[in-house]
Amino acid sequence: VGVQALVRSPALAVLRTLDLHWNQLGGDGLAHLLAAPALRNLEELDLSWCGLTSASARALAAWEGLRTVRRLNLLSNPLRRADAELIAASPHAVSLTDFQVPL
């Protein structure tokens, strides 16, 4: 419910930093977040301790909004090296300079 309310917020379009650490989003919550059309100017995204999985990593790698993200924190999620490599190799990860992942 929380993420669904967030993605409906008109303030999302001007948001540059989003810190959601310690929120158990999981794959469903992340899917709602990434589907938000207004979330296209984000520069920093903290998703540490959010219960993200390999499917979440695939979703992040495919997300066009990743183009503007410079800092992405995925620490303390059960991700593998291959998940991190998938995100880093995404054609949308053009601005990503600070990428924190559990390895």
PDB file of N, CA and C in Angstrom:
ATOM      1  N   VAL A   1       0.829  -1.196   0.000  1.00  0.00           N
ATOM      2  CA  VAL A   1       0.000   0.000   0.000  1.00  0.00           C
ATOM      3  C   VAL A   1       0.868   1.252   0.000  1.00  0.00           C
ATOM      4  N   GLY A   2       1.959   1.268   0.774  1.00  0.00           N
ATOM      5  CA  GLY A   2       2.824   2.431   0.866  1.00  0.00           C
ATOM      6  C   GLY A   2       3.454   2.822  -0.450  1.00  0.00           C
ATOM      7  N   VAL A   3       3.984   1.842  -1.180  1.00  0.00           N
ATOM      8  CA  VAL A   3       4.620   2.137  -2.460  1.00  0.00           C
ATOM      9  C   VAL A   3       3.574   2.595  -3.471  1.00  0.00           C
ATOM     10  N   GLN A   4       2.400   2.000  -3.436  1.00  0.00           N
ATOM     11  CA  GLN A   4       1.341   2.406  -4.358  1.00  0.00           C
ATOM     12  C   GLN A   4       0.944   3.857  -4.127  1.00  0.00           C
ATOM     13  N   ALA A   5       0.898   4.284  -2.877  1.00  0.00           N
ATOM     14  CA  ALA A   5       0.599   5.688  -2.575  1.00  0.00           C
ATOM     15  C   ALA A   5       1.732   6.586  -3.039  1.00  0.00           C
ATOM     16  N   LEU A   6       2.946   6.150  -2.839  1.00  0.00           N
ATOM     17  CA  LEU A   6       4.109   6.931  -3.262  1.00  0.00           C
ATOM     18  C   LEU A   6       4.103   7.169  -4.763  1.00  0.00           C
ATOM     19  N   VAL A   7       3.837   6.149  -5.550  1.00  0.00           N
ATOM     20  CA  VAL A   7       3.910   6.300  -7.009  1.00  0.00           C
ATOM     21  C   VAL A   7       2.779   7.168  -7.553  1.00  0.00           C
ATOM     22  N   ARG A   8       1.739   7.389  -6.775  1.00  0.00           N
ATOM     23  CA  ARG A   8       0.651   8.274  -7.207  1.00  0.00           C
ATOM     24  C   ARG A   8       0.920   9.735  -6.845  1.00  0.00           C
ATOM     25  N   SER A   9       1.954   9.986  -6.078  1.00  0.00           N
ATOM     26  CA  SER A   9       2.242  11.336  -5.615  1.00  0.00           C
ATOM     27  C   SER A   9       2.743  12.221  -6.756  1.00  0.00           C
ATOM     28  N   PRO A  10       2.184  13.433  -6.897  1.00  0.00           N
ATOM     29  CA  PRO A  10       2.667  14.349  -7.939  1.00  0.00           C
ATOM     30  C   PRO A  10       4.104  14.818  -7.680  1.00  0.00           C
ATOM     31  N   ALA A  11       4.567  14.711  -6.439  1.00  0.00           N
ATOM     32  CA  ALA A  11       5.931  15.127  -6.098  1.00  0.00           C
ATOM     33  C   ALA A  11       6.980  14.185  -6.694  1.00  0.00           C
ATOM     34  N   LEU A  12       6.573  13.023  -7.123  1.00  0.00           N
ATOM     35  CA  LEU A  12       7.503  12.031  -7.653  1.00  0.00           C
ATOM     36  C   LEU A  12       8.256  12.544  -8.880  1.00  0.00           C
ATOM     37  N   ALA A  13       7.619  13.385  -9.663  1.00  0.00           N
ATOM     38  CA  ALA A  13       8.232  13.890 -10.894  1.00  0.00           C
ATOM     39  C   ALA A  13       9.454  14.771 -10.637  1.00  0.00           C
ATOM     40  N   VAL A  14       9.527  15.397  -9.471  1.00  0.00           N
ATOM     41  CA  VAL A  14      10.659  16.271  -9.178  1.00  0.00           C
ATOM     42  C   VAL A  14      11.655  15.640  -8.214  1.00  0.00           C
ATOM     43  N   LEU A  15      11.367  14.428  -7.786  1.00  0.00           N
ATOM     44  CA  LEU A  15      12.219  13.732  -6.823  1.00  0.00           C
ATOM     45  C   LEU A  15      13.571  13.377  -7.445  1.00  0.00           C
ATOM     46  N   ARG A  16      14.656  13.701  -6.743  1.00  0.00           N
ATOM     47  CA  ARG A  16      16.006  13.375  -7.217  1.00  0.00           C
ATOM     48  C   ARG A  16      16.628  12.252  -6.386  1.00  0.00           C
ATOM     49  N   THR A  17      16.253  12.165  -5.111  1.00  0.00           N
ATOM     50  CA  THR A  17      16.785  11.165  -4.196  1.00  0.00           C
ATOM     51  C   THR A  17      15.631  10.418  -3.557  1.00  0.00           C
ATOM     52  N   LEU A  18      15.733   9.084  -3.554  1.00  0.00           N
ATOM     53  CA  LEU A  18      14.709   8.263  -2.929  1.00  0.00           C
ATOM     54  C   LEU A  18      15.403   7.203  -2.074  1.00  0.00           C
ATOM     55  N   ASP A  19      15.166   7.271  -0.769  1.00  0.00           N
ATOM     56  CA  ASP A  19      15.772   6.347   0.182  1.00  0.00           C
ATOM     57  C   ASP A  19      14.674   5.461   0.752  1.00  0.00           C
ATOM     58  N   LEU A  20      14.664   4.206   0.344  1.00  0.00           N
ATOM     59  CA  LEU A  20      13.659   3.251   0.808  1.00  0.00           C
ATOM     60  C   LEU A  20      14.280   2.122   1.617  1.00  0.00           C
ATOM     61  N   HIS A  21      15.514   2.317   2.103  1.00  0.00           N
ATOM     62  CA  HIS A  21      16.163   1.228   2.831  1.00  0.00           C
ATOM     63  C   HIS A  21      15.336   0.811   4.044  1.00  0.00           C
ATOM     64  N   TRP A  22      15.417  -0.460   4.384  1.00  0.00           N
ATOM     65  CA  TRP A  22      14.679  -1.089   5.477  1.00  0.00           C
ATOM     66  C   TRP A  22      13.177  -1.173   5.211  1.00  0.00           C
ATOM     67  N   ASN A  23      12.760  -1.011   3.986  1.00  0.00           N
ATOM     68  CA  ASN A  23      11.367  -1.221   3.606  1.00  0.00           C
ATOM     69  C   ASN A  23      11.314  -2.503   2.802  1.00  0.00           C
ATOM     70  N   GLN A  24      10.633  -3.488   3.290  1.00  0.00           N
ATOM     71  CA  GLN A  24      10.577  -4.788   2.604  1.00  0.00           C
ATOM     72  C   GLN A  24       9.680  -4.701   1.372  1.00  0.00           C
ATOM     73  N   LEU A  25      10.215  -4.078   0.332  1.00  0.00           N
ATOM     74  CA  LEU A  25       9.476  -3.915  -0.918  1.00  0.00           C
ATOM     75  C   LEU A  25       9.248  -5.251  -1.612  1.00  0.00           C
ATOM     76  N   GLY A  26      10.314  -6.031  -1.690  1.00  0.00           N
ATOM     77  CA  GLY A  26      10.242  -7.267  -2.454  1.00  0.00           C
ATOM     78  C   GLY A  26       9.995  -6.967  -3.925  1.00  0.00           C
ATOM     79  N   GLY A  27       9.759  -7.991  -4.683  1.00  0.00           N
ATOM     80  CA  GLY A  27       9.567  -7.832  -6.127  1.00  0.00           C
ATOM     81  C   GLY A  27       8.318  -7.057  -6.494  1.00  0.00           C
ATOM     82  N   ASP A  28       7.222  -7.289  -5.763  1.00  0.00           N
ATOM     83  CA  ASP A  28       5.972  -6.600  -6.084  1.00  0.00           C
ATOM     84  C   ASP A  28       6.075  -5.100  -5.841  1.00  0.00           C
ATOM     85  N   GLY A  29       6.632  -4.722  -4.709  1.00  0.00           N
ATOM     86  CA  GLY A  29       6.790  -3.304  -4.407  1.00  0.00           C
ATOM     87  C   GLY A  29       7.714  -2.620  -5.398  1.00  0.00           C
ATOM     88  N   LEU A  30       8.801  -3.306  -5.752  1.00  0.00           N
ATOM     89  CA  LEU A  30       9.726  -2.735  -6.728  1.00  0.00           C
ATOM     90  C   LEU A  30       9.038  -2.573  -8.072  1.00  0.00           C
ATOM     91  N   ALA A  31       8.233  -3.536  -8.475  1.00  0.00           N
ATOM     92  CA  ALA A  31       7.518  -3.446  -9.755  1.00  0.00           C
ATOM     93  C   ALA A  31       6.608  -2.218  -9.785  1.00  0.00           C
ATOM     94  N   HIS A  32       5.902  -1.950  -8.686  1.00  0.00           N
ATOM     95  CA  HIS A  32       5.052  -0.754  -8.614  1.00  0.00           C
ATOM     96  C   HIS A  32       5.897   0.513  -8.743  1.00  0.00           C
ATOM     97  N   LEU A  33       7.023   0.528  -8.064  1.00  0.00           N
ATOM     98  CA  LEU A  33       7.903   1.688  -8.096  1.00  0.00           C
ATOM     99  C   LEU A  33       8.437   1.939  -9.505  1.00  0.00           C
ATOM    100  N   LEU A  34       8.945   0.910 -10.137  1.00  0.00           N
ATOM    101  CA  LEU A  34       9.550   1.069 -11.457  1.00  0.00           C
ATOM    102  C   LEU A  34       8.532   1.370 -12.545  1.00  0.00           C
ATOM    103  N   ALA A  35       7.267   1.055 -12.294  1.00  0.00           N
ATOM    104  CA  ALA A  35       6.215   1.328 -13.271  1.00  0.00           C
ATOM    105  C   ALA A  35       5.709   2.766 -13.208  1.00  0.00           C
ATOM    106  N   ALA A  36       6.152   3.514 -12.214  1.00  0.00           N
ATOM    107  CA  ALA A  36       5.689   4.898 -12.053  1.00  0.00           C
ATOM    108  C   ALA A  36       6.231   5.769 -13.183  1.00  0.00           C
ATOM    109  N   PRO A  37       5.363   6.278 -14.049  1.00  0.00           N
ATOM    110  CA  PRO A  37       5.839   7.090 -15.175  1.00  0.00           C
ATOM    111  C   PRO A  37       6.516   8.391 -14.740  1.00  0.00           C
ATOM    112  N   ALA A  38       6.166   8.897 -13.577  1.00  0.00           N
ATOM    113  CA  ALA A  38       6.747  10.158 -13.113  1.00  0.00           C
ATOM    114  C   ALA A  38       8.167  10.000 -12.583  1.00  0.00           C
ATOM    115  N   LEU A  39       8.594   8.780 -12.309  1.00  0.00           N
ATOM    116  CA  LEU A  39       9.909   8.550 -11.712  1.00  0.00           C
ATOM    117  C   LEU A  39      10.973   8.485 -12.808  1.00  0.00           C
ATOM    118  N   ARG A  40      11.277   9.630 -13.392  1.00  0.00           N
ATOM    119  CA  ARG A  40      12.219   9.673 -14.515  1.00  0.00           C
ATOM    120  C   ARG A  40      13.375  10.638 -14.313  1.00  0.00           C
ATOM    121  N   ASN A  41      13.461  11.255 -13.137  1.00  0.00           N
ATOM    122  CA  ASN A  41      14.535  12.212 -12.869  1.00  0.00           C
ATOM    123  C   ASN A  41      15.375  11.814 -11.664  1.00  0.00           C
ATOM    124  N   LEU A  42      15.237  10.587 -11.240  1.00  0.00           N
ATOM    125  CA  LEU A  42      15.905  10.117 -10.037  1.00  0.00           C
ATOM    126  C   LEU A  42      17.418  10.011 -10.247  1.00  0.00           C
ATOM    127  N   GLU A  43      18.188  10.517  -9.295  1.00  0.00           N
ATOM    128  CA  GLU A  43      19.642  10.449  -9.371  1.00  0.00           C
ATOM    129  C   GLU A  43      20.231   9.513  -8.318  1.00  0.00           C
ATOM    130  N   GLU A  44      19.546   9.356  -7.194  1.00  0.00           N
ATOM    131  CA  GLU A  44      20.029   8.485  -6.119  1.00  0.00           C
ATOM    132  C   GLU A  44      18.886   7.612  -5.643  1.00  0.00           C
ATOM    133  N   LEU A  45      19.165   6.302  -5.553  1.00  0.00           N
ATOM    134  CA  LEU A  45      18.147   5.348  -5.127  1.00  0.00           C
ATOM    135  C   LEU A  45      18.766   4.363  -4.141  1.00  0.00           C
ATOM    136  N   ASP A  46      18.242   4.351  -2.921  1.00  0.00           N
ATOM    137  CA  ASP A  46      18.721   3.440  -1.888  1.00  0.00           C
ATOM    138  C   ASP A  46      17.659   2.369  -1.656  1.00  0.00           C
ATOM    139  N   LEU A  47      17.979   1.146  -2.064  1.00  0.00           N
ATOM    140  CA  LEU A  47      17.092   0.007  -1.890  1.00  0.00           C
ATOM    141  C   LEU A  47      17.754  -1.062  -1.025  1.00  0.00           C
ATOM    142  N   SER A  48      18.617  -0.637  -0.110  1.00  0.00           N
ATOM    143  CA  SER A  48      19.268  -1.598   0.779  1.00  0.00           C
ATOM    144  C   SER A  48      18.253  -2.169   1.763  1.00  0.00           C
ATOM    145  N   TRP A  49      18.421  -3.436   2.116  1.00  0.00           N
ATOM    146  CA  TRP A  49      17.549  -4.129   3.054  1.00  0.00           C
ATOM    147  C   TRP A  49      16.089  -4.140   2.578  1.00  0.00           C
ATOM    148  N   CYS A  50      15.857  -4.304   1.297  1.00  0.00           N
ATOM    149  CA  CYS A  50      14.489  -4.264   0.768  1.00  0.00           C
ATOM    150  C   CYS A  50      13.963  -5.622   0.320  1.00  0.00           C
ATOM    151  N   GLY A  51      14.719  -6.683   0.548  1.00  0.00           N
ATOM    152  CA  GLY A  51      14.248  -8.011   0.175  1.00  0.00           C
ATOM    153  C   GLY A  51      14.215  -8.241  -1.324  1.00  0.00           C
ATOM    154  N   LEU A  52      15.149  -7.632  -2.038  1.00  0.00           N
ATOM    155  CA  LEU A  52      15.185  -7.762  -3.492  1.00  0.00           C
ATOM    156  C   LEU A  52      15.878  -9.061  -3.904  1.00  0.00           C
ATOM    157  N   THR A  53      15.468  -9.618  -5.023  1.00  0.00           N
ATOM    158  CA  THR A  53      15.953 -10.907  -5.504  1.00  0.00           C
ATOM    159  C   THR A  53      16.546 -10.769  -6.904  1.00  0.00           C
ATOM    160  N   SER A  54      16.911 -11.896  -7.470  1.00  0.00           N
ATOM    161  CA  SER A  54      17.424 -11.900  -8.843  1.00  0.00           C
ATOM    162  C   SER A  54      16.393 -11.347  -9.821  1.00  0.00           C
ATOM    163  N   ALA A  55      15.120 -11.651  -9.589  1.00  0.00           N
ATOM    164  CA  ALA A  55      14.058 -11.099 -10.446  1.00  0.00           C
ATOM    165  C   ALA A  55      14.026  -9.575 -10.324  1.00  0.00           C
ATOM    166  N   SER A  56      14.274  -9.060  -9.133  1.00  0.00           N
ATOM    167  CA  SER A  56      14.333  -7.609  -8.917  1.00  0.00           C
ATOM    168  C   SER A  56      15.492  -7.006  -9.696  1.00  0.00           C
ATOM    169  N   ALA A  57      16.625  -7.689  -9.706  1.00  0.00           N
ATOM    170  CA  ALA A  57      17.792  -7.216 -10.444  1.00  0.00           C
ATOM    171  C   ALA A  57      17.480  -7.144 -11.937  1.00  0.00           C
ATOM    172  N   ARG A  58      16.783  -8.137 -12.442  1.00  0.00           N
ATOM    173  CA  ARG A  58      16.396  -8.116 -13.864  1.00  0.00           C
ATOM    174  C   ARG A  58      15.465  -6.940 -14.158  1.00  0.00           C
ATOM    175  N   ALA A  59      14.553  -6.681 -13.236  1.00  0.00           N
ATOM    176  CA  ALA A  59      13.634  -5.556 -13.407  1.00  0.00           C
ATOM    177  C   ALA A  59      14.387  -4.224 -13.391  1.00  0.00           C
ATOM    178  N   LEU A  60      15.329  -4.078 -12.480  1.00  0.00           N
ATOM    179  CA  LEU A  60      16.135  -2.851 -12.432  1.00  0.00           C
ATOM    180  C   LEU A  60      16.948  -2.666 -13.707  1.00  0.00           C
ATOM    181  N   ALA A  61      17.534  -3.750 -14.202  1.00  0.00           N
ATOM    182  CA  ALA A  61      18.337  -3.677 -15.425  1.00  0.00           C
ATOM    183  C   ALA A  61      17.489  -3.279 -16.629  1.00  0.00           C
ATOM    184  N   ALA A  62      16.235  -3.673 -16.652  1.00  0.00           N
ATOM    185  CA  ALA A  62      15.348  -3.373 -17.777  1.00  0.00           C
ATOM    186  C   ALA A  62      14.661  -2.007 -17.643  1.00  0.00           C
ATOM    187  N   TRP A  63      14.764  -1.397 -16.483  1.00  0.00           N
ATOM    188  CA  TRP A  63      14.068  -0.140 -16.191  1.00  0.00           C
ATOM    189  C   TRP A  63      14.709   1.042 -16.920  1.00  0.00           C
ATOM    190  N   GLU A  64      13.961   1.697 -17.777  1.00  0.00           N
ATOM    191  CA  GLU A  64      14.469   2.850 -18.520  1.00  0.00           C
ATOM    192  C   GLU A  64      14.836   4.016 -17.606  1.00  0.00           C
ATOM    193  N   GLY A  65      14.172   4.116 -16.463  1.00  0.00           N
ATOM    194  CA  GLY A  65      14.467   5.186 -15.509  1.00  0.00           C
ATOM    195  C   GLY A  65      15.855   5.099 -14.900  1.00  0.00           C
ATOM    196  N   LEU A  66      16.508   3.952 -15.060  1.00  0.00           N
ATOM    197  CA  LEU A  66      17.877   3.782 -14.557  1.00  0.00           C
ATOM    198  C   LEU A  66      18.840   4.747 -15.247  1.00  0.00           C
ATOM    199  N   ARG A  67      18.450   5.274 -16.394  1.00  0.00           N
ATOM    200  CA  ARG A  67      19.320   6.183 -17.163  1.00  0.00           C
ATOM    201  C   ARG A  67      19.806   7.394 -16.372  1.00  0.00           C
ATOM    202  N   THR A  68      19.008   7.880 -15.459  1.00  0.00           N
ATOM    203  CA  THR A  68      19.389   9.091 -14.716  1.00  0.00           C
ATOM    204  C   THR A  68      20.008   8.787 -13.358  1.00  0.00           C
ATOM    205  N   VAL A  69      19.980   7.526 -12.940  1.00  0.00           N
ATOM    206  CA  VAL A  69      20.469   7.151 -11.609  1.00  0.00           C
ATOM    207  C   VAL A  69      21.995   7.099 -11.595  1.00  0.00           C
ATOM    208  N   ARG A  70      22.587   7.921 -10.721  1.00  0.00           N
ATOM    209  CA  ARG A  70      24.042   7.935 -10.548  1.00  0.00           C
ATOM    210  C   ARG A  70      24.462   7.037  -9.390  1.00  0.00           C
ATOM    211  N   ARG A  71      23.648   7.010  -8.327  1.00  0.00           N
ATOM    212  CA  ARG A  71      23.978   6.236  -7.126  1.00  0.00           C
ATOM    213  C   ARG A  71      22.861   5.233  -6.858  1.00  0.00           C
ATOM    214  N   LEU A  72      23.246   3.955  -6.793  1.00  0.00           N
ATOM    215  CA  LEU A  72      22.290   2.883  -6.525  1.00  0.00           C
ATOM    216  C   LEU A  72      22.842   1.991  -5.424  1.00  0.00           C
ATOM    217  N   ASN A  73      22.116   1.914  -4.302  1.00  0.00           N
ATOM    218  CA  ASN A  73      22.546   1.105  -3.166  1.00  0.00           C
ATOM    219  C   ASN A  73      21.621  -0.102  -3.049  1.00  0.00           C
ATOM    220  N   LEU A  74      22.186  -1.288  -3.233  1.00  0.00           N
ATOM    221  CA  LEU A  74      21.442  -2.537  -3.117  1.00  0.00           C
ATOM    222  C   LEU A  74      22.022  -3.431  -2.025  1.00  0.00           C
ATOM    223  N   LEU A  75      22.803  -2.870  -1.115  1.00  0.00           N
ATOM    224  CA  LEU A  75      23.422  -3.655  -0.059  1.00  0.00           C
ATOM    225  C   LEU A  75      22.369  -4.369   0.791  1.00  0.00           C
ATOM    226  N   SER A  76      22.766  -5.481   1.360  1.00  0.00           N
ATOM    227  CA  SER A  76      21.935  -6.268   2.277  1.00  0.00           C
ATOM    228  C   SER A  76      20.658  -6.811   1.637  1.00  0.00           C
ATOM    229  N   ASN A  77      20.750  -7.147   0.383  1.00  0.00           N
ATOM    230  CA  ASN A  77      19.709  -7.876  -0.331  1.00  0.00           C
ATOM    231  C   ASN A  77      20.327  -9.194  -0.777  1.00  0.00           C
ATOM    232  N   PRO A  78      19.541 -10.251  -0.893  1.00  0.00           N
ATOM    233  CA  PRO A  78      20.100 -11.552  -1.303  1.00  0.00           C
ATOM    234  C   PRO A  78      20.369 -11.622  -2.806  1.00  0.00           C
ATOM    235  N   LEU A  79      21.288 -10.798  -3.267  1.00  0.00           N
ATOM    236  CA  LEU A  79      21.643 -10.767  -4.685  1.00  0.00           C
ATOM    237  C   LEU A  79      22.967 -11.485  -4.915  1.00  0.00           C
ATOM    238  N   ARG A  80      23.154 -11.957  -6.124  1.00  0.00           N
ATOM    239  CA  ARG A  80      24.389 -12.648  -6.496  1.00  0.00           C
ATOM    240  C   ARG A  80      25.250 -11.730  -7.368  1.00  0.00           C
ATOM    241  N   ARG A  81      26.482 -12.135  -7.562  1.00  0.00           N
ATOM    242  CA  ARG A  81      27.391 -11.368  -8.425  1.00  0.00           C
ATOM    243  C   ARG A  81      26.786 -11.198  -9.822  1.00  0.00           C
ATOM    244  N   ALA A  82      26.164 -12.253 -10.346  1.00  0.00           N
ATOM    245  CA  ALA A  82      25.561 -12.191 -11.678  1.00  0.00           C
ATOM    246  C   ALA A  82      24.456 -11.139 -11.739  1.00  0.00           C
ATOM    247  N   ASP A  83      23.720 -10.963 -10.637  1.00  0.00           N
ATOM    248  CA  ASP A  83      22.667  -9.944 -10.588  1.00  0.00           C
ATOM    249  C   ASP A  83      23.280  -8.548 -10.703  1.00  0.00           C
ATOM    250  N   ALA A  84      24.356  -8.327  -9.959  1.00  0.00           N
ATOM    251  CA  ALA A  84      25.037  -7.036 -10.003  1.00  0.00           C
ATOM    252  C   ALA A  84      25.610  -6.768 -11.390  1.00  0.00           C
ATOM    253  N   GLU A  85      26.188  -7.782 -11.985  1.00  0.00           N
ATOM    254  CA  GLU A  85      26.766  -7.627 -13.320  1.00  0.00           C
ATOM    255  C   GLU A  85      25.688  -7.320 -14.354  1.00  0.00           C
ATOM    256  N   LEU A  86      24.525  -7.926 -14.201  1.00  0.00           N
ATOM    257  CA  LEU A  86      23.411  -7.673 -15.112  1.00  0.00           C
ATOM    258  C   LEU A  86      22.990  -6.208 -15.057  1.00  0.00           C
ATOM    259  N   ILE A  87      22.870  -5.675 -13.860  1.00  0.00           N
ATOM    260  CA  ILE A  87      22.483  -4.269 -13.710  1.00  0.00           C
ATOM    261  C   ILE A  87      23.570  -3.354 -14.266  1.00  0.00           C
ATOM    262  N   ALA A  88      24.816  -3.624 -13.911  1.00  0.00           N
ATOM    263  CA  ALA A  88      25.932  -2.783 -14.379  1.00  0.00           C
ATOM    264  C   ALA A  88      26.057  -2.790 -15.900  1.00  0.00           C
ATOM    265  N   ALA A  89      25.709  -3.907 -16.531  1.00  0.00           N
ATOM    266  CA  ALA A  89      25.824  -4.030 -17.983  1.00  0.00           C
ATOM    267  C   ALA A  89      24.579  -3.538 -18.722  1.00  0.00           C
ATOM    268  N   SER A  90      23.568  -3.114 -17.993  1.00  0.00           N
ATOM    269  CA  SER A  90      22.331  -2.662 -18.619  1.00  0.00           C
ATOM    270  C   SER A  90      22.586  -1.468 -19.538  1.00  0.00           C
ATOM    271  N   PRO A  91      21.944  -1.433 -20.689  1.00  0.00           N
ATOM    272  CA  PRO A  91      22.083  -0.259 -21.558  1.00  0.00           C
ATOM    273  C   PRO A  91      21.488   0.995 -20.927  1.00  0.00           C
ATOM    274  N   HIS A  92      20.719   0.826 -19.863  1.00  0.00           N
ATOM    275  CA  HIS A  92      20.123   1.969 -19.171  1.00  0.00           C
ATOM    276  C   HIS A  92      21.014   2.503 -18.050  1.00  0.00           C
ATOM    277  N   ALA A  93      22.092   1.811 -17.720  1.00  0.00           N
ATOM    278  CA  ALA A  93      22.968   2.214 -16.609  1.00  0.00           C
ATOM    279  C   ALA A  93      24.041   3.199 -17.066  1.00  0.00           C
ATOM    280  N   VAL A  94      23.672   4.139 -17.889  1.00  0.00           N
ATOM    281  CA  VAL A  94      24.647   5.061 -18.486  1.00  0.00           C
ATOM    282  C   VAL A  94      25.193   6.103 -17.516  1.00  0.00           C
ATOM    283  N   SER A  95      24.478   6.404 -16.454  1.00  0.00           N
ATOM    284  CA  SER A  95      24.915   7.423 -15.487  1.00  0.00           C
ATOM    285  C   SER A  95      25.430   6.823 -14.184  1.00  0.00           C
ATOM    286  N   LEU A  96      25.326   5.529 -14.038  1.00  0.00           N
ATOM    287  CA  LEU A  96      25.630   4.853 -12.782  1.00  0.00           C
ATOM    288  C   LEU A  96      27.128   4.902 -12.476  1.00  0.00           C
ATOM    289  N   THR A  97      27.496   5.669 -11.448  1.00  0.00           N
ATOM    290  CA  THR A  97      28.898   5.792 -11.055  1.00  0.00           C
ATOM    291  C   THR A  97      29.159   5.275  -9.638  1.00  0.00           C
ATOM    292  N   ASP A  98      28.126   5.185  -8.824  1.00  0.00           N
ATOM    293  CA  ASP A  98      28.251   4.699  -7.456  1.00  0.00           C
ATOM    294  C   ASP A  98      27.236   3.581  -7.283  1.00  0.00           C
ATOM    295  N   PHE A  99      27.729   2.328  -7.394  1.00  0.00           N
ATOM    296  CA  PHE A  99      26.861   1.159  -7.391  1.00  0.00           C
ATOM    297  C   PHE A  99      27.296   0.252  -6.249  1.00  0.00           C
ATOM    298  N   GLN A 100      26.461   0.176  -5.218  1.00  0.00           N
ATOM    299  CA  GLN A 100      26.790  -0.610  -4.034  1.00  0.00           C
ATOM    300  C   GLN A 100      25.935  -1.862  -4.010  1.00  0.00           C
ATOM    301  N   VAL A 101      26.612  -3.011  -4.071  1.00  0.00           N
ATOM    302  CA  VAL A 101      25.919  -4.303  -4.084  1.00  0.00           C
ATOM    303  C   VAL A 101      26.614  -5.287  -3.151  1.00  0.00           C
ATOM    304  N   PRO A 102      25.877  -6.251  -2.637  1.00  0.00           N
ATOM    305  CA  PRO A 102      26.496  -7.262  -1.770  1.00  0.00           C
ATOM    306  C   PRO A 102      27.249  -8.275  -2.621  1.00  0.00           C
ATOM    307  N   LEU A 103      28.527  -8.426  -2.357  1.00  0.00           N
ATOM    308  CA  LEU A 103      29.313  -9.427  -3.105  1.00  0.00           C
ATOM    309  C   LEU A 103      30.183 -10.211  -2.163  1.00  0.00           C
TER     310      LEU A 103
END
